[in-house]
Amino acid sequence: EYCTAWKVVYEHFQRYEGELQQRIRR
């Protein structure tokens, strides 16, 4: 029932993936 939700959220997250990873590594 939440297939749409997880796709939308994961794709939204991916837009910031590089910056998030950089901040975590710093």
mmCIF file of all heavy atoms, coordinates in Angstrom:
data_MODEL
# 
_entry.id   MODEL 
# 
loop_
_atom_site.group_PDB 
_atom_site.id 
_atom_site.type_symbol 
_atom_site.label_atom_id 
_atom_site.label_alt_id 
_atom_site.label_comp_id 
_atom_site.label_asym_id 
_atom_site.label_entity_id 
_atom_site.label_seq_id 
_atom_site.pdbx_PDB_ins_code 
_atom_site.Cartn_x 
_atom_site.Cartn_y 
_atom_site.Cartn_z 
_atom_site.occupancy 
_atom_site.B_iso_or_equiv 
_atom_site.pdbx_formal_charge 
_atom_site.auth_seq_id 
_atom_site.auth_comp_id 
_atom_site.auth_asym_id 
_atom_site.auth_atom_id 
_atom_site.pdbx_PDB_model_num 
ATOM 1   N N   . GLU A 1 1  ? 0.830  -1.201 0.000  1.00 0.00 ? 1  GLU A N   1 
ATOM 2   C CA  . GLU A 1 1  ? 0.000  0.000  0.000  1.00 0.00 ? 1  GLU A CA  1 
ATOM 3   C C   . GLU A 1 1  ? 0.865  1.252  0.000  1.00 0.00 ? 1  GLU A C   1 
ATOM 4   O O   . GLU A 1 1  ? 0.408  2.332  -0.375 1.00 0.00 ? 1  GLU A O   1 
ATOM 5   C CB  . GLU A 1 1  ? -0.919 0.000  1.223  1.00 0.00 ? 1  GLU A CB  1 
ATOM 6   C CG  . GLU A 1 1  ? -1.965 -1.097 1.221  1.00 0.00 ? 1  GLU A CG  1 
ATOM 7   C CD  . GLU A 1 1  ? -3.065 -0.865 0.202  1.00 0.00 ? 1  GLU A CD  1 
ATOM 8   O OE1 . GLU A 1 1  ? -3.218 0.287  -0.242 1.00 0.00 ? 1  GLU A OE1 1 
ATOM 9   O OE2 . GLU A 1 1  ? -3.769 -1.827 -0.153 1.00 0.00 ? 1  GLU A OE2 1 
ATOM 10  N N   . TYR A 1 2  ? 2.130  1.119  0.431  1.00 0.00 ? 2  TYR A N   1 
ATOM 11  C CA  . TYR A 1 2  ? 3.013  2.272  0.542  1.00 0.00 ? 2  TYR A CA  1 
ATOM 12  C C   . TYR A 1 2  ? 4.140  2.264  -0.484 1.00 0.00 ? 2  TYR A C   1 
ATOM 13  O O   . TYR A 1 2  ? 5.146  2.964  -0.316 1.00 0.00 ? 2  TYR A O   1 
ATOM 14  C CB  . TYR A 1 2  ? 3.566  2.362  1.964  1.00 0.00 ? 2  TYR A CB  1 
ATOM 15  C CG  . TYR A 1 2  ? 2.477  2.662  2.970  1.00 0.00 ? 2  TYR A CG  1 
ATOM 16  C CD1 . TYR A 1 2  ? 2.341  1.928  4.136  1.00 0.00 ? 2  TYR A CD1 1 
ATOM 17  C CD2 . TYR A 1 2  ? 1.556  3.675  2.723  1.00 0.00 ? 2  TYR A CD2 1 
ATOM 18  C CE1 . TYR A 1 2  ? 1.326  2.213  5.029  1.00 0.00 ? 2  TYR A CE1 1 
ATOM 19  C CE2 . TYR A 1 2  ? 0.534  3.958  3.608  1.00 0.00 ? 2  TYR A CE2 1 
ATOM 20  C CZ  . TYR A 1 2  ? 0.418  3.220  4.766  1.00 0.00 ? 2  TYR A CZ  1 
ATOM 21  O OH  . TYR A 1 2  ? -0.596 3.502  5.644  1.00 0.00 ? 2  TYR A OH  1 
ATOM 22  N N   . CYS A 1 3  ? 3.949  1.506  -1.542 1.00 0.00 ? 3  CYS A N   1 
ATOM 23  C CA  . CYS A 1 3  ? 4.934  1.473  -2.629 1.00 0.00 ? 3  CYS A CA  1 
ATOM 24  C C   . CYS A 1 3  ? 5.215  2.886  -3.153 1.00 0.00 ? 3  CYS A C   1 
ATOM 25  O O   . CYS A 1 3  ? 6.372  3.294  -3.298 1.00 0.00 ? 3  CYS A O   1 
ATOM 26  C CB  . CYS A 1 3  ? 4.425  0.570  -3.743 1.00 0.00 ? 3  CYS A CB  1 
ATOM 27  S SG  . CYS A 1 3  ? 5.468  0.566  -5.221 1.00 0.00 ? 3  CYS A SG  1 
ATOM 28  N N   . THR A 1 4  ? 4.158  3.633  -3.416 1.00 0.00 ? 4  THR A N   1 
ATOM 29  C CA  . THR A 1 4  ? 4.307  4.997  -3.929 1.00 0.00 ? 4  THR A CA  1 
ATOM 30  C C   . THR A 1 4  ? 5.108  5.862  -2.963 1.00 0.00 ? 4  THR A C   1 
ATOM 31  O O   . THR A 1 4  ? 5.987  6.631  -3.369 1.00 0.00 ? 4  THR A O   1 
ATOM 32  C CB  . THR A 1 4  ? 2.927  5.639  -4.165 1.00 0.00 ? 4  THR A CB  1 
ATOM 33  O OG1 . THR A 1 4  ? 2.203  4.856  -5.115 1.00 0.00 ? 4  THR A OG1 1 
ATOM 34  C CG2 . THR A 1 4  ? 3.065  7.061  -4.683 1.00 0.00 ? 4  THR A CG2 1 
ATOM 35  N N   . ALA A 1 5  ? 4.813  5.727  -1.678 1.00 0.00 ? 5  ALA A N   1 
ATOM 36  C CA  . ALA A 1 5  ? 5.493  6.544  -0.675 1.00 0.00 ? 5  ALA A CA  1 
ATOM 37  C C   . ALA A 1 5  ? 6.990  6.300  -0.681 1.00 0.00 ? 5  ALA A C   1 
ATOM 38  O O   . ALA A 1 5  ? 7.790  7.243  -0.705 1.00 0.00 ? 5  ALA A O   1 
ATOM 39  C CB  . ALA A 1 5  ? 4.922  6.247  0.716  1.00 0.00 ? 5  ALA A CB  1 
ATOM 40  N N   . TRP A 1 6  ? 7.392  5.027  -0.652 1.00 0.00 ? 6  TRP A N   1 
ATOM 41  C CA  . TRP A 1 6  ? 8.831  4.726  -0.558 1.00 0.00 ? 6  TRP A CA  1 
ATOM 42  C C   . TRP A 1 6  ? 9.574  5.171  -1.811 1.00 0.00 ? 6  TRP A C   1 
ATOM 43  O O   . TRP A 1 6  ? 10.710 5.647  -1.731 1.00 0.00 ? 6  TRP A O   1 
ATOM 44  C CB  . TRP A 1 6  ? 9.048  3.241  -0.292 1.00 0.00 ? 6  TRP A CB  1 
ATOM 45  C CG  . TRP A 1 6  ? 8.288  2.705  0.878  1.00 0.00 ? 6  TRP A CG  1 
ATOM 46  C CD1 . TRP A 1 6  ? 7.636  1.511  0.971  1.00 0.00 ? 6  TRP A CD1 1 
ATOM 47  C CD2 . TRP A 1 6  ? 8.083  3.348  2.153  1.00 0.00 ? 6  TRP A CD2 1 
ATOM 48  N NE1 . TRP A 1 6  ? 7.037  1.355  2.189  1.00 0.00 ? 6  TRP A NE1 1 
ATOM 49  C CE2 . TRP A 1 6  ? 7.296  2.469  2.943  1.00 0.00 ? 6  TRP A CE2 1 
ATOM 50  C CE3 . TRP A 1 6  ? 8.461  4.567  2.695  1.00 0.00 ? 6  TRP A CE3 1 
ATOM 51  C CZ2 . TRP A 1 6  ? 6.904  2.784  4.240  1.00 0.00 ? 6  TRP A CZ2 1 
ATOM 52  C CZ3 . TRP A 1 6  ? 8.068  4.884  3.998  1.00 0.00 ? 6  TRP A CZ3 1 
ATOM 53  C CH2 . TRP A 1 6  ? 7.306  4.008  4.746  1.00 0.00 ? 6  TRP A CH2 1 
ATOM 54  N N   . LYS A 1 7  ? 8.956  5.050  -2.973 1.00 0.00 ? 7  LYS A N   1 
ATOM 55  C CA  . LYS A 1 7  ? 9.588  5.527  -4.207 1.00 0.00 ? 7  LYS A CA  1 
ATOM 56  C C   . LYS A 1 7  ? 9.800  7.041  -4.166 1.00 0.00 ? 7  LYS A C   1 
ATOM 57  O O   . LYS A 1 7  ? 10.891 7.543  -4.473 1.00 0.00 ? 7  LYS A O   1 
ATOM 58  C CB  . LYS A 1 7  ? 8.723  5.162  -5.418 1.00 0.00 ? 7  LYS A CB  1 
ATOM 59  C CG  . LYS A 1 7  ? 8.771  3.708  -5.828 1.00 0.00 ? 7  LYS A CG  1 
ATOM 60  C CD  . LYS A 1 7  ? 7.894  3.492  -7.050 1.00 0.00 ? 7  LYS A CD  1 
ATOM 61  C CE  . LYS A 1 7  ? 7.912  2.049  -7.507 1.00 0.00 ? 7  LYS A CE  1 
ATOM 62  N NZ  . LYS A 1 7  ? 7.015  1.824  -8.672 1.00 0.00 ? 7  LYS A NZ  1 
ATOM 63  N N   . VAL A 1 8  ? 8.756  7.757  -3.789 1.00 0.00 ? 8  VAL A N   1 
ATOM 64  C CA  . VAL A 1 8  ? 8.823  9.215  -3.758 1.00 0.00 ? 8  VAL A CA  1 
ATOM 65  C C   . VAL A 1 8  ? 9.875  9.692  -2.759 1.00 0.00 ? 8  VAL A C   1 
ATOM 66  O O   . VAL A 1 8  ? 10.685 10.583 -3.049 1.00 0.00 ? 8  VAL A O   1 
ATOM 67  C CB  . VAL A 1 8  ? 7.431  9.807  -3.414 1.00 0.00 ? 8  VAL A CB  1 
ATOM 68  C CG1 . VAL A 1 8  ? 7.542  11.287 -3.068 1.00 0.00 ? 8  VAL A CG1 1 
ATOM 69  C CG2 . VAL A 1 8  ? 6.461  9.608  -4.564 1.00 0.00 ? 8  VAL A CG2 1 
ATOM 70  N N   . VAL A 1 9  ? 9.877  9.096  -1.570 1.00 0.00 ? 9  VAL A N   1 
ATOM 71  C CA  . VAL A 1 9  ? 10.818 9.524  -0.525 1.00 0.00 ? 9  VAL A CA  1 
ATOM 72  C C   . VAL A 1 9  ? 12.250 9.191  -0.918 1.00 0.00 ? 9  VAL A C   1 
ATOM 73  O O   . VAL A 1 9  ? 13.160 10.025 -0.758 1.00 0.00 ? 9  VAL A O   1 
ATOM 74  C CB  . VAL A 1 9  ? 10.460 8.865  0.827  1.00 0.00 ? 9  VAL A CB  1 
ATOM 75  C CG1 . VAL A 1 9  ? 11.497 9.218  1.882  1.00 0.00 ? 9  VAL A CG1 1 
ATOM 76  C CG2 . VAL A 1 9  ? 9.077  9.298  1.282  1.00 0.00 ? 9  VAL A CG2 1 
ATOM 77  N N   . TYR A 1 10 ? 12.467 7.990  -1.432 1.00 0.00 ? 10 TYR A N   1 
ATOM 78  C CA  . TYR A 1 10 ? 13.828 7.583  -1.794 1.00 0.00 ? 10 TYR A CA  1 
ATOM 79  C C   . TYR A 1 10 ? 14.379 8.481  -2.907 1.00 0.00 ? 10 TYR A C   1 
ATOM 80  O O   . TYR A 1 10 ? 15.533 8.917  -2.860 1.00 0.00 ? 10 TYR A O   1 
ATOM 81  C CB  . TYR A 1 10 ? 13.833 6.125  -2.238 1.00 0.00 ? 10 TYR A CB  1 
ATOM 82  C CG  . TYR A 1 10 ? 15.207 5.495  -2.238 1.00 0.00 ? 10 TYR A CG  1 
ATOM 83  C CD1 . TYR A 1 10 ? 15.701 4.869  -1.104 1.00 0.00 ? 10 TYR A CD1 1 
ATOM 84  C CD2 . TYR A 1 10 ? 16.014 5.530  -3.380 1.00 0.00 ? 10 TYR A CD2 1 
ATOM 85  C CE1 . TYR A 1 10 ? 16.961 4.292  -1.098 1.00 0.00 ? 10 TYR A CE1 1 
ATOM 86  C CE2 . TYR A 1 10 ? 17.275 4.965  -3.385 1.00 0.00 ? 10 TYR A CE2 1 
ATOM 87  C CZ  . TYR A 1 10 ? 17.745 4.344  -2.241 1.00 0.00 ? 10 TYR A CZ  1 
ATOM 88  O OH  . TYR A 1 10 ? 18.996 3.785  -2.235 1.00 0.00 ? 10 TYR A OH  1 
ATOM 89  N N   . GLU A 1 11 ? 13.539 8.765  -3.897 1.00 0.00 ? 11 GLU A N   1 
ATOM 90  C CA  . GLU A 1 11 ? 13.976 9.635  -4.990 1.00 0.00 ? 11 GLU A CA  1 
ATOM 91  C C   . GLU A 1 11 ? 14.234 11.060 -4.488 1.00 0.00 ? 11 GLU A C   1 
ATOM 92  O O   . GLU A 1 11 ? 15.169 11.727 -4.948 1.00 0.00 ? 11 GLU A O   1 
ATOM 93  C CB  . GLU A 1 11 ? 12.922 9.634  -6.100 1.00 0.00 ? 11 GLU A CB  1 
ATOM 94  C CG  . GLU A 1 11 ? 12.869 8.307  -6.867 1.00 0.00 ? 11 GLU A CG  1 
ATOM 95  C CD  . GLU A 1 11 ? 11.657 8.197  -7.777 1.00 0.00 ? 11 GLU A CD  1 
ATOM 96  O OE1 . GLU A 1 11 ? 10.882 9.186  -7.846 1.00 0.00 ? 11 GLU A OE1 1 
ATOM 97  O OE2 . GLU A 1 11 ? 11.474 7.130  -8.395 1.00 0.00 ? 11 GLU A OE2 1 
ATOM 98  N N   . HIS A 1 12 ? 13.427 11.521 -3.551 1.00 0.00 ? 12 HIS A N   1 
ATOM 99  C CA  . HIS A 1 12 ? 13.645 12.844 -2.954 1.00 0.00 ? 12 HIS A CA  1 
ATOM 100 C C   . HIS A 1 12 ? 14.985 12.875 -2.227 1.00 0.00 ? 12 HIS A C   1 
ATOM 101 O O   . HIS A 1 12 ? 15.739 13.847 -2.328 1.00 0.00 ? 12 HIS A O   1 
ATOM 102 C CB  . HIS A 1 12 ? 12.499 13.159 -1.988 1.00 0.00 ? 12 HIS A CB  1 
ATOM 103 C CG  . HIS A 1 12 ? 12.424 14.591 -1.570 1.00 0.00 ? 12 HIS A CG  1 
ATOM 104 N ND1 . HIS A 1 12 ? 11.973 15.596 -2.390 1.00 0.00 ? 12 HIS A ND1 1 
ATOM 105 C CD2 . HIS A 1 12 ? 12.759 15.203 -0.401 1.00 0.00 ? 12 HIS A CD2 1 
ATOM 106 C CE1 . HIS A 1 12 ? 12.020 16.753 -1.757 1.00 0.00 ? 12 HIS A CE1 1 
ATOM 107 N NE2 . HIS A 1 12 ? 12.501 16.545 -0.549 1.00 0.00 ? 12 HIS A NE2 1 
ATOM 108 N N   . PHE A 1 13 ? 15.286 11.805 -1.522 1.00 0.00 ? 13 PHE A N   1 
ATOM 109 C CA  . PHE A 1 13 ? 16.549 11.671 -0.791 1.00 0.00 ? 13 PHE A CA  1 
ATOM 110 C C   . PHE A 1 13 ? 17.736 11.696 -1.749 1.00 0.00 ? 13 PHE A C   1 
ATOM 111 O O   . PHE A 1 13 ? 18.779 12.301 -1.464 1.00 0.00 ? 13 PHE A O   1 
ATOM 112 C CB  . PHE A 1 13 ? 16.541 10.349 -0.026 1.00 0.00 ? 13 PHE A CB  1 
ATOM 113 C CG  . PHE A 1 13 ? 16.926 10.479 1.421  1.00 0.00 ? 13 PHE A CG  1 
ATOM 114 C CD1 . PHE A 1 13 ? 15.953 10.712 2.377  1.00 0.00 ? 13 PHE A CD1 1 
ATOM 115 C CD2 . PHE A 1 13 ? 18.235 10.359 1.835  1.00 0.00 ? 13 PHE A CD2 1 
ATOM 116 C CE1 . PHE A 1 13 ? 16.286 10.815 3.718  1.00 0.00 ? 13 PHE A CE1 1 
ATOM 117 C CE2 . PHE A 1 13 ? 18.581 10.466 3.171  1.00 0.00 ? 13 PHE A CE2 1 
ATOM 118 C CZ  . PHE A 1 13 ? 17.604 10.693 4.116  1.00 0.00 ? 13 PHE A CZ  1 
ATOM 119 N N   . GLN A 1 14 ? 17.585 11.019 -2.887 1.00 0.00 ? 14 GLN A N   1 
ATOM 120 C CA  . GLN A 1 14 ? 18.696 10.895 -3.831 1.00 0.00 ? 14 GLN A CA  1 
ATOM 121 C C   . GLN A 1 14 ? 19.171 12.244 -4.362 1.00 0.00 ? 14 GLN A C   1 
ATOM 122 O O   . GLN A 1 14 ? 20.337 12.390 -4.719 1.00 0.00 ? 14 GLN A O   1 
ATOM 123 C CB  . GLN A 1 14 ? 18.289 9.987  -4.989 1.00 0.00 ? 14 GLN A CB  1 
ATOM 124 C CG  . GLN A 1 14 ? 18.284 8.506  -4.616 1.00 0.00 ? 14 GLN A CG  1 
ATOM 125 C CD  . GLN A 1 14 ? 17.886 7.619  -5.779 1.00 0.00 ? 14 GLN A CD  1 
ATOM 126 O OE1 . GLN A 1 14 ? 16.913 7.906  -6.487 1.00 0.00 ? 14 GLN A OE1 1 
ATOM 127 N NE2 . GLN A 1 14 ? 18.626 6.549  -5.992 1.00 0.00 ? 14 GLN A NE2 1 
ATOM 128 N N   . ARG A 1 15 ? 18.293 13.234 -4.394 1.00 0.00 ? 15 ARG A N   1 
ATOM 129 C CA  . ARG A 1 15 ? 18.680 14.562 -4.869 1.00 0.00 ? 15 ARG A CA  1 
ATOM 130 C C   . ARG A 1 15 ? 19.757 15.172 -3.972 1.00 0.00 ? 15 ARG A C   1 
ATOM 131 O O   . ARG A 1 15 ? 20.533 16.021 -4.413 1.00 0.00 ? 15 ARG A O   1 
ATOM 132 C CB  . ARG A 1 15 ? 17.463 15.489 -4.894 1.00 0.00 ? 15 ARG A CB  1 
ATOM 133 C CG  . ARG A 1 15 ? 16.351 15.037 -5.829 1.00 0.00 ? 15 ARG A CG  1 
ATOM 134 C CD  . ARG A 1 15 ? 15.134 15.928 -5.674 1.00 0.00 ? 15 ARG A CD  1 
ATOM 135 N NE  . ARG A 1 15 ? 13.947 15.315 -6.258 1.00 0.00 ? 15 ARG A NE  1 
ATOM 136 C CZ  . ARG A 1 15 ? 12.714 15.772 -6.101 1.00 0.00 ? 15 ARG A CZ  1 
ATOM 137 N NH1 . ARG A 1 15 ? 12.516 16.878 -5.392 1.00 0.00 ? 15 ARG A NH1 1 
ATOM 138 N NH2 . ARG A 1 15 ? 11.690 15.153 -6.643 1.00 0.00 ? 15 ARG A NH2 1 
ATOM 139 N N   . TYR A 1 16 ? 19.792 14.740 -2.728 1.00 0.00 ? 16 TYR A N   1 
ATOM 140 C CA  . TYR A 1 16 ? 20.740 15.299 -1.761 1.00 0.00 ? 16 TYR A CA  1 
ATOM 141 C C   . TYR A 1 16 ? 21.799 14.275 -1.353 1.00 0.00 ? 16 TYR A C   1 
ATOM 142 O O   . TYR A 1 16 ? 22.576 14.533 -0.433 1.00 0.00 ? 16 TYR A O   1 
ATOM 143 C CB  . TYR A 1 16 ? 19.986 15.759 -0.503 1.00 0.00 ? 16 TYR A CB  1 
ATOM 144 C CG  . TYR A 1 16 ? 18.949 16.814 -0.758 1.00 0.00 ? 16 TYR A CG  1 
ATOM 145 C CD1 . TYR A 1 16 ? 17.652 16.472 -1.133 1.00 0.00 ? 16 TYR A CD1 1 
ATOM 146 C CD2 . TYR A 1 16 ? 19.255 18.168 -0.624 1.00 0.00 ? 16 TYR A CD2 1 
ATOM 147 C CE1 . TYR A 1 16 ? 16.686 17.444 -1.368 1.00 0.00 ? 16 TYR A CE1 1 
ATOM 148 C CE2 . TYR A 1 16 ? 18.294 19.143 -0.851 1.00 0.00 ? 16 TYR A CE2 1 
ATOM 149 C CZ  . TYR A 1 16 ? 17.014 18.776 -1.224 1.00 0.00 ? 16 TYR A CZ  1 
ATOM 150 O OH  . TYR A 1 16 ? 16.067 19.741 -1.454 1.00 0.00 ? 16 TYR A OH  1 
ATOM 151 N N   . GLU A 1 17 ? 21.813 13.134 -2.040 1.00 0.00 ? 17 GLU A N   1 
ATOM 152 C CA  . GLU A 1 17 ? 22.667 12.031 -1.599 1.00 0.00 ? 17 GLU A CA  1 
ATOM 153 C C   . GLU A 1 17 ? 24.133 12.428 -1.504 1.00 0.00 ? 17 GLU A C   1 
ATOM 154 O O   . GLU A 1 17 ? 24.807 12.152 -0.497 1.00 0.00 ? 17 GLU A O   1 
ATOM 155 C CB  . GLU A 1 17 ? 22.513 10.841 -2.555 1.00 0.00 ? 17 GLU A CB  1 
ATOM 156 C CG  . GLU A 1 17 ? 23.345 9.635  -2.147 1.00 0.00 ? 17 GLU A CG  1 
ATOM 157 C CD  . GLU A 1 17 ? 23.132 8.455  -3.081 1.00 0.00 ? 17 GLU A CD  1 
ATOM 158 O OE1 . GLU A 1 17 ? 22.349 8.580  -4.050 1.00 0.00 ? 17 GLU A OE1 1 
ATOM 159 O OE2 . GLU A 1 17 ? 23.755 7.407  -2.841 1.00 0.00 ? 17 GLU A OE2 1 
ATOM 160 N N   . GLY A 1 18 ? 24.650 13.070 -2.540 1.00 0.00 ? 18 GLY A N   1 
ATOM 161 C CA  . GLY A 1 18 ? 26.056 13.439 -2.539 1.00 0.00 ? 18 GLY A CA  1 
ATOM 162 C C   . GLY A 1 18 ? 26.410 14.362 -1.391 1.00 0.00 ? 18 GLY A C   1 
ATOM 163 O O   . GLY A 1 18 ? 27.393 14.151 -0.678 1.00 0.00 ? 18 GLY A O   1 
ATOM 164 N N   . GLU A 1 19 ? 25.596 15.392 -1.195 1.00 0.00 ? 19 GLU A N   1 
ATOM 165 C CA  . GLU A 1 19 ? 25.869 16.352 -0.131 1.00 0.00 ? 19 GLU A CA  1 
ATOM 166 C C   . GLU A 1 19 ? 25.731 15.718 1.246  1.00 0.00 ? 19 GLU A C   1 
ATOM 167 O O   . GLU A 1 19 ? 26.537 15.971 2.147  1.00 0.00 ? 19 GLU A O   1 
ATOM 168 C CB  . GLU A 1 19 ? 24.912 17.537 -0.248 1.00 0.00 ? 19 GLU A CB  1 
ATOM 169 C CG  . GLU A 1 19 ? 25.242 18.669 0.720  1.00 0.00 ? 19 GLU A CG  1 
ATOM 170 C CD  . GLU A 1 19 ? 24.366 19.890 0.482  1.00 0.00 ? 19 GLU A CD  1 
ATOM 171 O OE1 . GLU A 1 19 ? 23.761 19.997 -0.596 1.00 0.00 ? 19 GLU A OE1 1 
ATOM 172 O OE2 . GLU A 1 19 ? 24.296 20.725 1.407  1.00 0.00 ? 19 GLU A OE2 1 
ATOM 173 N N   . LEU A 1 20 ? 24.727 14.842 1.416  1.00 0.00 ? 20 LEU A N   1 
ATOM 174 C CA  . LEU A 1 20 ? 24.543 14.153 2.690  1.00 0.00 ? 20 LEU A CA  1 
ATOM 175 C C   . LEU A 1 20 ? 25.751 13.293 3.019  1.00 0.00 ? 20 LEU A C   1 
ATOM 176 O O   . LEU A 1 20 ? 26.253 13.297 4.148  1.00 0.00 ? 20 LEU A O   1 
ATOM 177 C CB  . LEU A 1 20 ? 23.280 13.288 2.639  1.00 0.00 ? 20 LEU A CB  1 
ATOM 178 C CG  . LEU A 1 20 ? 21.940 14.011 2.769  1.00 0.00 ? 20 LEU A CG  1 
ATOM 179 C CD1 . LEU A 1 20 ? 20.807 13.116 2.312  1.00 0.00 ? 20 LEU A CD1 1 
ATOM 180 C CD2 . LEU A 1 20 ? 21.708 14.453 4.207  1.00 0.00 ? 20 LEU A CD2 1 
ATOM 181 N N   . GLN A 1 21 ? 26.227 12.541 2.029  1.00 0.00 ? 21 GLN A N   1 
ATOM 182 C CA  . GLN A 1 21 ? 27.378 11.674 2.256  1.00 0.00 ? 21 GLN A CA  1 
ATOM 183 C C   . GLN A 1 21 ? 28.618 12.487 2.603  1.00 0.00 ? 21 GLN A C   1 
ATOM 184 O O   . GLN A 1 21 ? 29.403 12.112 3.480  1.00 0.00 ? 21 GLN A O   1 
ATOM 185 C CB  . GLN A 1 21 ? 27.625 10.794 1.032  1.00 0.00 ? 21 GLN A CB  1 
ATOM 186 C CG  . GLN A 1 21 ? 26.557 9.733  0.822  1.00 0.00 ? 21 GLN A CG  1 
ATOM 187 C CD  . GLN A 1 21 ? 26.982 8.684  -0.192 1.00 0.00 ? 21 GLN A CD  1 
ATOM 188 O OE1 . GLN A 1 21 ? 28.162 8.476  -0.424 1.00 0.00 ? 21 GLN A OE1 1 
ATOM 189 N NE2 . GLN A 1 21 ? 26.013 8.013  -0.801 1.00 0.00 ? 21 GLN A NE2 1 
ATOM 190 N N   . GLN A 1 22 ? 28.805 13.605 1.910  1.00 0.00 ? 22 GLN A N   1 
ATOM 191 C CA  . GLN A 1 22 ? 29.963 14.452 2.201  1.00 0.00 ? 22 GLN A CA  1 
ATOM 192 C C   . GLN A 1 22 ? 29.922 14.979 3.629  1.00 0.00 ? 22 GLN A C   1 
ATOM 193 O O   . GLN A 1 22 ? 30.943 14.973 4.340  1.00 0.00 ? 22 GLN A O   1 
ATOM 194 C CB  . GLN A 1 22 ? 30.001 15.632 1.214  1.00 0.00 ? 22 GLN A CB  1 
ATOM 195 C CG  . GLN A 1 22 ? 30.484 15.266 -0.180 1.00 0.00 ? 22 GLN A CG  1 
ATOM 196 C CD  . GLN A 1 22 ? 30.525 16.473 -1.094 1.00 0.00 ? 22 GLN A CD  1 
ATOM 197 O OE1 . GLN A 1 22 ? 30.335 17.608 -0.652 1.00 0.00 ? 22 GLN A OE1 1 
ATOM 198 N NE2 . GLN A 1 22 ? 30.772 16.236 -2.374 1.00 0.00 ? 22 GLN A NE2 1 
ATOM 199 N N   . ARG A 1 23 ? 28.755 15.407 4.065  1.00 0.00 ? 23 ARG A N   1 
ATOM 200 C CA  . ARG A 1 23 ? 28.641 15.942 5.417  1.00 0.00 ? 23 ARG A CA  1 
ATOM 201 C C   . ARG A 1 23 ? 28.885 14.860 6.463  1.00 0.00 ? 23 ARG A C   1 
ATOM 202 O O   . ARG A 1 23 ? 29.542 15.099 7.485  1.00 0.00 ? 23 ARG A O   1 
ATOM 203 C CB  . ARG A 1 23 ? 27.261 16.588 5.611  1.00 0.00 ? 23 ARG A CB  1 
ATOM 204 C CG  . ARG A 1 23 ? 27.111 17.912 4.864  1.00 0.00 ? 23 ARG A CG  1 
ATOM 205 C CD  . ARG A 1 23 ? 25.725 18.483 4.991  1.00 0.00 ? 23 ARG A CD  1 
ATOM 206 N NE  . ARG A 1 23 ? 25.404 18.871 6.355  1.00 0.00 ? 23 ARG A NE  1 
ATOM 207 C CZ  . ARG A 1 23 ? 24.227 19.406 6.711  1.00 0.00 ? 23 ARG A CZ  1 
ATOM 208 N NH1 . ARG A 1 23 ? 23.283 19.614 5.790  1.00 0.00 ? 23 ARG A NH1 1 
ATOM 209 N NH2 . ARG A 1 23 ? 23.994 19.726 7.968  1.00 0.00 ? 23 ARG A NH2 1 
ATOM 210 N N   . ILE A 1 24 ? 28.384 13.681 6.196  1.00 0.00 ? 24 ILE A N   1 
ATOM 211 C CA  . ILE A 1 24 ? 28.603 12.568 7.124  1.00 0.00 ? 24 ILE A CA  1 
ATOM 212 C C   . ILE A 1 24 ? 30.086 12.220 7.195  1.00 0.00 ? 24 ILE A C   1 
ATOM 213 O O   . ILE A 1 24 ? 30.648 12.037 8.283  1.00 0.00 ? 24 ILE A O   1 
ATOM 214 C CB  . ILE A 1 24 ? 27.785 11.329 6.697  1.00 0.00 ? 24 ILE A CB  1 
ATOM 215 C CG1 . ILE A 1 24 ? 26.295 11.583 6.934  1.00 0.00 ? 24 ILE A CG1 1 
ATOM 216 C CG2 . ILE A 1 24 ? 28.232 10.087 7.466  1.00 0.00 ? 24 ILE A CG2 1 
ATOM 217 C CD1 . ILE A 1 24 ? 25.390 10.528 6.352  1.00 0.00 ? 24 ILE A CD1 1 
ATOM 218 N N   . ARG A 1 25 ? 30.743 12.166 6.051  1.00 0.00 ? 25 ARG A N   1 
ATOM 219 C CA  . ARG A 1 25 ? 32.166 11.811 6.038  1.00 0.00 ? 25 ARG A CA  1 
ATOM 220 C C   . ARG A 1 25 ? 33.015 12.889 6.720  1.00 0.00 ? 25 ARG A C   1 
ATOM 221 O O   . ARG A 1 25 ? 33.983 12.575 7.415  1.00 0.00 ? 25 ARG A O   1 
ATOM 222 C CB  . ARG A 1 25 ? 32.624 11.569 4.605  1.00 0.00 ? 25 ARG A CB  1 
ATOM 223 C CG  . ARG A 1 25 ? 32.021 10.302 3.997  1.00 0.00 ? 25 ARG A CG  1 
ATOM 224 C CD  . ARG A 1 25 ? 32.712 9.902  2.707  1.00 0.00 ? 25 ARG A CD  1 
ATOM 225 N NE  . ARG A 1 25 ? 32.136 8.672  2.187  1.00 0.00 ? 25 ARG A NE  1 
ATOM 226 C CZ  . ARG A 1 25 ? 31.286 8.600  1.170  1.00 0.00 ? 25 ARG A CZ  1 
ATOM 227 N NH1 . ARG A 1 25 ? 30.932 9.697  0.544  1.00 0.00 ? 25 ARG A NH1 1 
ATOM 228 N NH2 . ARG A 1 25 ? 30.804 7.441  0.763  1.00 0.00 ? 25 ARG A NH2 1 
ATOM 229 N N   . ARG A 1 26 ? 32.645 14.160 6.520  1.00 0.00 ? 26 ARG A N   1 
ATOM 230 C CA  . ARG A 1 26 ? 33.363 15.236 7.209  1.00 0.00 ? 26 ARG A CA  1 
ATOM 231 C C   . ARG A 1 26 ? 33.236 15.085 8.722  1.00 0.00 ? 26 ARG A C   1 
ATOM 232 O O   . ARG A 1 26 ? 34.199 15.248 9.471  1.00 0.00 ? 26 ARG A O   1 
ATOM 233 C CB  . ARG A 1 26 ? 32.816 16.600 6.778  1.00 0.00 ? 26 ARG A CB  1 
ATOM 234 C CG  . ARG A 1 26 ? 33.202 17.034 5.371  1.00 0.00 ? 26 ARG A CG  1 
ATOM 235 C CD  . ARG A 1 26 ? 32.867 18.511 5.184  1.00 0.00 ? 26 ARG A CD  1 
ATOM 236 N NE  . ARG A 1 26 ? 32.679 18.841 3.780  1.00 0.00 ? 26 ARG A NE  1 
ATOM 237 C CZ  . ARG A 1 26 ? 31.509 19.101 3.218  1.00 0.00 ? 26 ARG A CZ  1 
ATOM 238 N NH1 . ARG A 1 26 ? 30.404 19.068 3.946  1.00 0.00 ? 26 ARG A NH1 1 
ATOM 239 N NH2 . ARG A 1 26 ? 31.434 19.404 1.932  1.00 0.00 ? 26 ARG A NH2 1 
# 
